[in-house]
Amino acid sequence: SLLLLGACGRAVPLDPPSPGPQDAEICAAIQARLPDRVAGEYRLSVSPDVANTAAWGSPAITWRCGVPQPDA
């Protein structure tokens, strides 16, 4: 999978999720299939560099797996 860094090598800051064991397996399976591009935007590095997170473009489109569903 291609991983491109954002301008000046800055990583997108994301709070690391803490999925339970069952969710962690599902998240790992999803993360293995994440695309290199979303809405025409390239994938960026995230900080901290942990599993279950990803980002694309600027402003960043972010993905965090294993977090509670938002109310809205």
PDB file of N, CA and C in Angstrom:
ATOM      1  N   SER A   1       0.833  -1.176   0.000  1.00  0.00           N
ATOM      2  CA  SER A   1       0.000   0.000   0.000  1.00  0.00           C
ATOM      3  C   SER A   1       0.880   1.242   0.000  1.00  0.00           C
ATOM      4  N   LEU A   2       0.510   2.202  -0.805  1.00  0.00           N
ATOM      5  CA  LEU A   2       1.270   3.429  -0.946  1.00  0.00           C
ATOM      6  C   LEU A   2       0.931   4.371   0.188  1.00  0.00           C
ATOM      7  N   LEU A   3       1.965   4.937   0.814  1.00  0.00           N
ATOM      8  CA  LEU A   3       1.745   5.898   1.891  1.00  0.00           C
ATOM      9  C   LEU A   3       2.502   7.156   1.534  1.00  0.00           C
ATOM     10  N   LEU A   4       1.773   8.251   1.330  1.00  0.00           N
ATOM     11  CA  LEU A   4       2.398   9.516   0.985  1.00  0.00           C
ATOM     12  C   LEU A   4       2.326  10.452   2.171  1.00  0.00           C
ATOM     13  N   LEU A   5       3.368  11.237   2.353  1.00  0.00           N
ATOM     14  CA  LEU A   5       3.406  12.179   3.456  1.00  0.00           C
ATOM     15  C   LEU A   5       2.840  13.512   3.022  1.00  0.00           C
ATOM     16  N   GLY A   6       2.247  14.223   3.972  1.00  0.00           N
ATOM     17  CA  GLY A   6       1.683  15.531   3.700  1.00  0.00           C
ATOM     18  C   GLY A   6       2.769  16.572   3.527  1.00  0.00           C
ATOM     19  N   ALA A   7       2.371  17.793   3.226  1.00  0.00           N
ATOM     20  CA  ALA A   7       3.314  18.884   3.031  1.00  0.00           C
ATOM     21  C   ALA A   7       4.229  19.014   4.234  1.00  0.00           C
ATOM     22  N   CYS A   8       5.489  19.194   3.962  1.00  0.00           N
ATOM     23  CA  CYS A   8       6.525  19.352   4.987  1.00  0.00           C
ATOM     24  C   CYS A   8       6.649  18.122   5.877  1.00  0.00           C
ATOM     25  N   GLY A   9       6.099  16.980   5.463  1.00  0.00           N
ATOM     26  CA  GLY A   9       6.240  15.766   6.250  1.00  0.00           C
ATOM     27  C   GLY A   9       5.414  15.749   7.518  1.00  0.00           C
ATOM     28  N   ARG A  10       4.473  16.639   7.650  1.00  0.00           N
ATOM     29  CA  ARG A  10       3.638  16.685   8.855  1.00  0.00           C
ATOM     30  C   ARG A  10       2.611  15.565   8.831  1.00  0.00           C
ATOM     31  N   ALA A  11       2.455  14.937   9.976  1.00  0.00           N
ATOM     32  CA  ALA A  11       1.452  13.880  10.102  1.00  0.00           C
ATOM     33  C   ALA A  11       0.165  14.491  10.640  1.00  0.00           C
ATOM     34  N   VAL A  12      -0.949  13.916  10.261  1.00  0.00           N
ATOM     35  CA  VAL A  12      -2.255  14.363  10.742  1.00  0.00           C
ATOM     36  C   VAL A  12      -2.424  13.858  12.181  1.00  0.00           C
ATOM     37  N   PRO A  13      -2.653  14.759  13.152  1.00  0.00           N
ATOM     38  CA  PRO A  13      -2.824  14.299  14.530  1.00  0.00           C
ATOM     39  C   PRO A  13      -4.204  13.666  14.734  1.00  0.00           C
ATOM     40  N   LEU A  14      -4.228  12.465  15.292  1.00  0.00           N
ATOM     41  CA  LEU A  14      -5.477  11.763  15.587  1.00  0.00           C
ATOM     42  C   LEU A  14      -5.372  11.130  16.965  1.00  0.00           C
ATOM     43  N   ASP A  15      -6.451  11.186  17.726  1.00  0.00           N
ATOM     44  CA  ASP A  15      -6.487  10.483  19.004  1.00  0.00           C
ATOM     45  C   ASP A  15      -6.582   8.993  18.713  1.00  0.00           C
ATOM     46  N   PRO A  16      -5.668   8.200  19.265  1.00  0.00           N
ATOM     47  CA  PRO A  16      -5.715   6.764  18.990  1.00  0.00           C
ATOM     48  C   PRO A  16      -6.940   6.110  19.617  1.00  0.00           C
ATOM     49  N   PRO A  17      -7.655   5.297  18.850  1.00  0.00           N
ATOM     50  CA  PRO A  17      -8.800   4.579  19.398  1.00  0.00           C
ATOM     51  C   PRO A  17      -8.338   3.389  20.232  1.00  0.00           C
ATOM     52  N   SER A  18      -9.234   2.892  21.061  1.00  0.00           N
ATOM     53  CA  SER A  18      -8.940   1.727  21.899  1.00  0.00           C
ATOM     54  C   SER A  18     -10.045   0.691  21.746  1.00  0.00           C
ATOM     55  N   PRO A  19     -10.100   0.021  20.590  1.00  0.00           N
ATOM     56  CA  PRO A  19     -11.165  -0.967  20.396  1.00  0.00           C
ATOM     57  C   PRO A  19     -10.952  -2.200  21.262  1.00  0.00           C
ATOM     58  N   GLY A  20     -12.049  -2.845  21.626  1.00  0.00           N
ATOM     59  CA  GLY A  20     -11.973  -4.113  22.336  1.00  0.00           C
ATOM     60  C   GLY A  20     -11.436  -5.185  21.408  1.00  0.00           C
ATOM     61  N   PRO A  21     -11.145  -6.381  21.929  1.00  0.00           N
ATOM     62  CA  PRO A  21     -10.535  -7.444  21.118  1.00  0.00           C
ATOM     63  C   PRO A  21     -11.328  -7.800  19.859  1.00  0.00           C
ATOM     64  N   GLN A  22     -12.647  -7.928  19.987  1.00  0.00           N
ATOM     65  CA  GLN A  22     -13.464  -8.292  18.826  1.00  0.00           C
ATOM     66  C   GLN A  22     -13.446  -7.163  17.791  1.00  0.00           C
ATOM     67  N   ASP A  23     -13.603  -5.928  18.251  1.00  0.00           N
ATOM     68  CA  ASP A  23     -13.572  -4.796  17.333  1.00  0.00           C
ATOM     69  C   ASP A  23     -12.193  -4.636  16.710  1.00  0.00           C
ATOM     70  N   ALA A  24     -11.127  -4.913  17.445  1.00  0.00           N
ATOM     71  CA  ALA A  24      -9.774  -4.779  16.922  1.00  0.00           C
ATOM     72  C   ALA A  24      -9.568  -5.701  15.717  1.00  0.00           C
ATOM     73  N   GLU A  25     -10.126  -6.894  15.757  1.00  0.00           N
ATOM     74  CA  GLU A  25     -10.023  -7.812  14.619  1.00  0.00           C
ATOM     75  C   GLU A  25     -10.739  -7.247  13.402  1.00  0.00           C
ATOM     76  N   ILE A  26     -11.920  -6.699  13.622  1.00  0.00           N
ATOM     77  CA  ILE A  26     -12.696  -6.111  12.522  1.00  0.00           C
ATOM     78  C   ILE A  26     -11.956  -4.899  11.963  1.00  0.00           C
ATOM     79  N   CYS A  27     -11.429  -4.061  12.844  1.00  0.00           N
ATOM     80  CA  CYS A  27     -10.696  -2.870  12.412  1.00  0.00           C
ATOM     81  C   CYS A  27      -9.471  -3.250  11.582  1.00  0.00           C
ATOM     82  N   ALA A  28      -8.748  -4.271  12.008  1.00  0.00           N
ATOM     83  CA  ALA A  28      -7.553  -4.713  11.279  1.00  0.00           C
ATOM     84  C   ALA A  28      -7.927  -5.175   9.875  1.00  0.00           C
ATOM     85  N   ALA A  29      -9.040  -5.884   9.757  1.00  0.00           N
ATOM     86  CA  ALA A  29      -9.490  -6.355   8.446  1.00  0.00           C
ATOM     87  C   ALA A  29      -9.875  -5.176   7.551  1.00  0.00           C
ATOM     88  N   ILE A  30     -10.522  -4.177   8.123  1.00  0.00           N
ATOM     89  CA  ILE A  30     -10.897  -2.992   7.346  1.00  0.00           C
ATOM     90  C   ILE A  30      -9.650  -2.215   6.949  1.00  0.00           C
ATOM     91  N   GLN A  31      -8.742  -2.009   7.898  1.00  0.00           N
ATOM     92  CA  GLN A  31      -7.554  -1.211   7.622  1.00  0.00           C
ATOM     93  C   GLN A  31      -6.714  -1.829   6.503  1.00  0.00           C
ATOM     94  N   ALA A  32      -6.676  -3.138   6.436  1.00  0.00           N
ATOM     95  CA  ALA A  32      -5.914  -3.811   5.386  1.00  0.00           C
ATOM     96  C   ALA A  32      -6.468  -3.508   3.999  1.00  0.00           C
ATOM     97  N   ARG A  33      -7.712  -3.049   3.932  1.00  0.00           N
ATOM     98  CA  ARG A  33      -8.356  -2.778   2.642  1.00  0.00           C
ATOM     99  C   ARG A  33      -8.560  -1.292   2.363  1.00  0.00           C
ATOM    100  N   LEU A  34      -8.046  -0.420   3.219  1.00  0.00           N
ATOM    101  CA  LEU A  34      -8.224   1.012   2.998  1.00  0.00           C
ATOM    102  C   LEU A  34      -7.522   1.428   1.703  1.00  0.00           C
ATOM    103  N   PRO A  35      -8.139   2.325   0.950  1.00  0.00           N
ATOM    104  CA  PRO A  35      -7.549   2.744  -0.323  1.00  0.00           C
ATOM    105  C   PRO A  35      -6.421   3.761  -0.129  1.00  0.00           C
ATOM    106  N   ASP A  36      -5.597   3.901  -1.158  1.00  0.00           N
ATOM    107  CA  ASP A  36      -4.542   4.911  -1.148  1.00  0.00           C
ATOM    108  C   ASP A  36      -5.100   6.308  -1.389  1.00  0.00           C
ATOM    109  N   ARG A  37      -6.289   6.367  -2.020  1.00  0.00           N
ATOM    110  CA  ARG A  37      -6.933   7.657  -2.295  1.00  0.00           C
ATOM    111  C   ARG A  37      -8.396   7.604  -1.876  1.00  0.00           C
ATOM    112  N   VAL A  38      -8.877   8.728  -1.333  1.00  0.00           N
ATOM    113  CA  VAL A  38     -10.290   8.903  -0.982  1.00  0.00           C
ATOM    114  C   VAL A  38     -10.714  10.261  -1.537  1.00  0.00           C
ATOM    115  N   ALA A  39     -11.796  10.284  -2.292  1.00  0.00           N
ATOM    116  CA  ALA A  39     -12.306  11.517  -2.897  1.00  0.00           C
ATOM    117  C   ALA A  39     -11.199  12.246  -3.655  1.00  0.00           C
ATOM    118  N   GLY A  40     -10.311  11.481  -4.298  1.00  0.00           N
ATOM    119  CA  GLY A  40      -9.227  12.067  -5.071  1.00  0.00           C
ATOM    120  C   GLY A  40      -8.035  12.525  -4.246  1.00  0.00           C
ATOM    121  N   GLU A  41      -8.089  12.352  -2.936  1.00  0.00           N
ATOM    122  CA  GLU A  41      -7.015  12.793  -2.037  1.00  0.00           C
ATOM    123  C   GLU A  41      -6.122  11.621  -1.669  1.00  0.00           C
ATOM    124  N   TYR A  42      -4.802  11.875  -1.620  1.00  0.00           N
ATOM    125  CA  TYR A  42      -3.844  10.830  -1.257  1.00  0.00           C
ATOM    126  C   TYR A  42      -3.793  10.602   0.249  1.00  0.00           C
ATOM    127  N   ARG A  43      -3.423   9.393   0.601  1.00  0.00           N
ATOM    128  CA  ARG A  43      -3.299   9.011   2.009  1.00  0.00           C
ATOM    129  C   ARG A  43      -2.089   9.696   2.629  1.00  0.00           C
ATOM    130  N   LEU A  44      -2.244  10.109   3.877  1.00  0.00           N
ATOM    131  CA  LEU A  44      -1.209  10.809   4.631  1.00  0.00           C
ATOM    132  C   LEU A  44      -0.783   9.973   5.831  1.00  0.00           C
ATOM    133  N   SER A  45       0.323  10.337   6.432  1.00  0.00           N
ATOM    134  CA  SER A  45       0.714   9.692   7.684  1.00  0.00           C
ATOM    135  C   SER A  45      -0.097  10.312   8.819  1.00  0.00           C
ATOM    136  N   VAL A  46      -0.252   9.567   9.890  1.00  0.00           N
ATOM    137  CA  VAL A  46      -0.989  10.047  11.063  1.00  0.00           C
ATOM    138  C   VAL A  46      -0.067  10.003  12.278  1.00  0.00           C
ATOM    139  N   SER A  47      -0.408  10.807  13.276  1.00  0.00           N
ATOM    140  CA  SER A  47       0.377  10.858  14.510  1.00  0.00           C
ATOM    141  C   SER A  47      -0.554  10.809  15.702  1.00  0.00           C
ATOM    142  N   PRO A  48      -0.335   9.872  16.615  1.00  0.00           N
ATOM    143  CA  PRO A  48       0.730   8.882  16.571  1.00  0.00           C
ATOM    144  C   PRO A  48       0.449   7.838  15.494  1.00  0.00           C
ATOM    145  N   ASP A  49       1.503   7.187  15.054  1.00  0.00           N
ATOM    146  CA  ASP A  49       1.413   6.177  13.998  1.00  0.00           C
ATOM    147  C   ASP A  49       0.964   4.866  14.635  1.00  0.00           C
ATOM    148  N   VAL A  50      -0.350   4.711  14.767  1.00  0.00           N
ATOM    149  CA  VAL A  50      -0.917   3.521  15.398  1.00  0.00           C
ATOM    150  C   VAL A  50      -1.949   2.887  14.475  1.00  0.00           C
ATOM    151  N   ALA A  51      -2.288   1.651  14.763  1.00  0.00           N
ATOM    152  CA  ALA A  51      -3.317   0.949  13.992  1.00  0.00           C
ATOM    153  C   ALA A  51      -4.672   1.622  14.204  1.00  0.00           C
ATOM    154  N   ASN A  52      -5.576   1.338  13.306  1.00  0.00           N
ATOM    155  CA  ASN A  52      -6.970   1.774  13.391  1.00  0.00           C
ATOM    156  C   ASN A  52      -7.166   3.257  13.120  1.00  0.00           C
ATOM    157  N   THR A  53      -6.205   3.885  12.443  1.00  0.00           N
ATOM    158  CA  THR A  53      -6.343   5.285  12.049  1.00  0.00           C
ATOM    159  C   THR A  53      -5.817   5.460  10.632  1.00  0.00           C
ATOM    160  N   ALA A  54      -6.350   6.447   9.930  1.00  0.00           N
ATOM    161  CA  ALA A  54      -5.870   6.797   8.602  1.00  0.00           C
ATOM    162  C   ALA A  54      -6.376   8.194   8.273  1.00  0.00           C
ATOM    163  N   ALA A  55      -5.721   8.842   7.315  1.00  0.00           N
ATOM    164  CA  ALA A  55      -6.130  10.179   6.885  1.00  0.00           C
ATOM    165  C   ALA A  55      -5.762  10.372   5.427  1.00  0.00           C
ATOM    166  N   TRP A  56      -6.540  11.220   4.756  1.00  0.00           N
ATOM    167  CA  TRP A  56      -6.319  11.564   3.360  1.00  0.00           C
ATOM    168  C   TRP A  56      -6.584  13.053   3.174  1.00  0.00           C
ATOM    169  N   GLY A  57      -5.762  13.731   2.394  1.00  0.00           N
ATOM    170  CA  GLY A  57      -6.028  15.096   1.941  1.00  0.00           C
ATOM    171  C   GLY A  57      -5.888  16.196   2.966  1.00  0.00           C
ATOM    172  N   SER A  58      -6.234  17.428   2.503  1.00  0.00           N
ATOM    173  CA  SER A  58      -6.188  18.623   3.348  1.00  0.00           C
ATOM    174  C   SER A  58      -7.322  19.542   2.921  1.00  0.00           C
ATOM    175  N   PRO A  59      -8.257  19.847   3.812  1.00  0.00           N
ATOM    176  CA  PRO A  59      -8.330  19.349   5.187  1.00  0.00           C
ATOM    177  C   PRO A  59      -8.529  17.836   5.192  1.00  0.00           C
ATOM    178  N   ALA A  60      -8.032  17.228   6.222  1.00  0.00           N
ATOM    179  CA  ALA A  60      -7.962  15.767   6.281  1.00  0.00           C
ATOM    180  C   ALA A  60      -9.327  15.107   6.390  1.00  0.00           C
ATOM    181  N   ILE A  61      -9.481  14.064   5.606  1.00  0.00           N
ATOM    182  CA  ILE A  61     -10.572  13.108   5.751  1.00  0.00           C
ATOM    183  C   ILE A  61      -9.987  12.028   6.649  1.00  0.00           C
ATOM    184  N   THR A  62     -10.567  11.801   7.808  1.00  0.00           N
ATOM    185  CA  THR A  62      -9.952  10.879   8.756  1.00  0.00           C
ATOM    186  C   THR A  62     -10.799   9.645   8.996  1.00  0.00           C
ATOM    187  N   TRP A  63     -10.142   8.576   9.407  1.00  0.00           N
ATOM    188  CA  TRP A  63     -10.780   7.305   9.752  1.00  0.00           C
ATOM    189  C   TRP A  63     -10.176   6.823  11.063  1.00  0.00           C
ATOM    190  N   ARG A  64     -11.040   6.533  12.011  1.00  0.00           N
ATOM    191  CA  ARG A  64     -10.636   5.925  13.282  1.00  0.00           C
ATOM    192  C   ARG A  64     -11.609   4.808  13.553  1.00  0.00           C
ATOM    193  N   CYS A  65     -11.109   3.622  13.763  1.00  0.00           N
ATOM    194  CA  CYS A  65     -11.956   2.465  13.981  1.00  0.00           C
ATOM    195  C   CYS A  65     -11.866   2.029  15.442  1.00  0.00           C
ATOM    196  N   GLY A  66     -13.023   1.703  16.007  1.00  0.00           N
ATOM    197  CA  GLY A  66     -13.050   1.259  17.396  1.00  0.00           C
ATOM    198  C   GLY A  66     -13.421   2.357  18.371  1.00  0.00           C
ATOM    199  N   VAL A  67     -14.112   3.383  17.852  1.00  0.00           N
ATOM    200  CA  VAL A  67     -14.583   4.474  18.702  1.00  0.00           C
ATOM    201  C   VAL A  67     -16.110   4.408  18.758  1.00  0.00           C
ATOM    202  N   PRO A  68     -16.716   4.966  19.812  1.00  0.00           N
ATOM    203  CA  PRO A  68     -18.179   4.975  19.870  1.00  0.00           C
ATOM    204  C   PRO A  68     -18.784   5.765  18.702  1.00  0.00           C
ATOM    205  N   GLN A  69     -19.953   5.339  18.275  1.00  0.00           N
ATOM    206  CA  GLN A  69     -20.649   6.040  17.201  1.00  0.00           C
ATOM    207  C   GLN A  69     -21.085   7.415  17.691  1.00  0.00           C
ATOM    208  N   PRO A  70     -20.833   8.472  16.909  1.00  0.00           N
ATOM    209  CA  PRO A  70     -21.253   9.814  17.319  1.00  0.00           C
ATOM    210  C   PRO A  70     -22.778   9.934  17.388  1.00  0.00           C
ATOM    211  N   ASP A  71     -23.255  10.834  18.210  1.00  0.00           N
ATOM    212  CA  ASP A  71     -24.699  11.041  18.342  1.00  0.00           C
ATOM    213  C   ASP A  71     -25.305  11.593  17.075  1.00  0.00           C
ATOM    214  N   ALA A  72     -24.603  12.505  16.414  1.00  0.00           N
ATOM    215  CA  ALA A  72     -25.151  13.163  15.205  1.00  0.00           C
ATOM    216  C   ALA A  72     -24.834  12.375  13.968  1.00  0.00           C
TER     217      ALA A  72
END
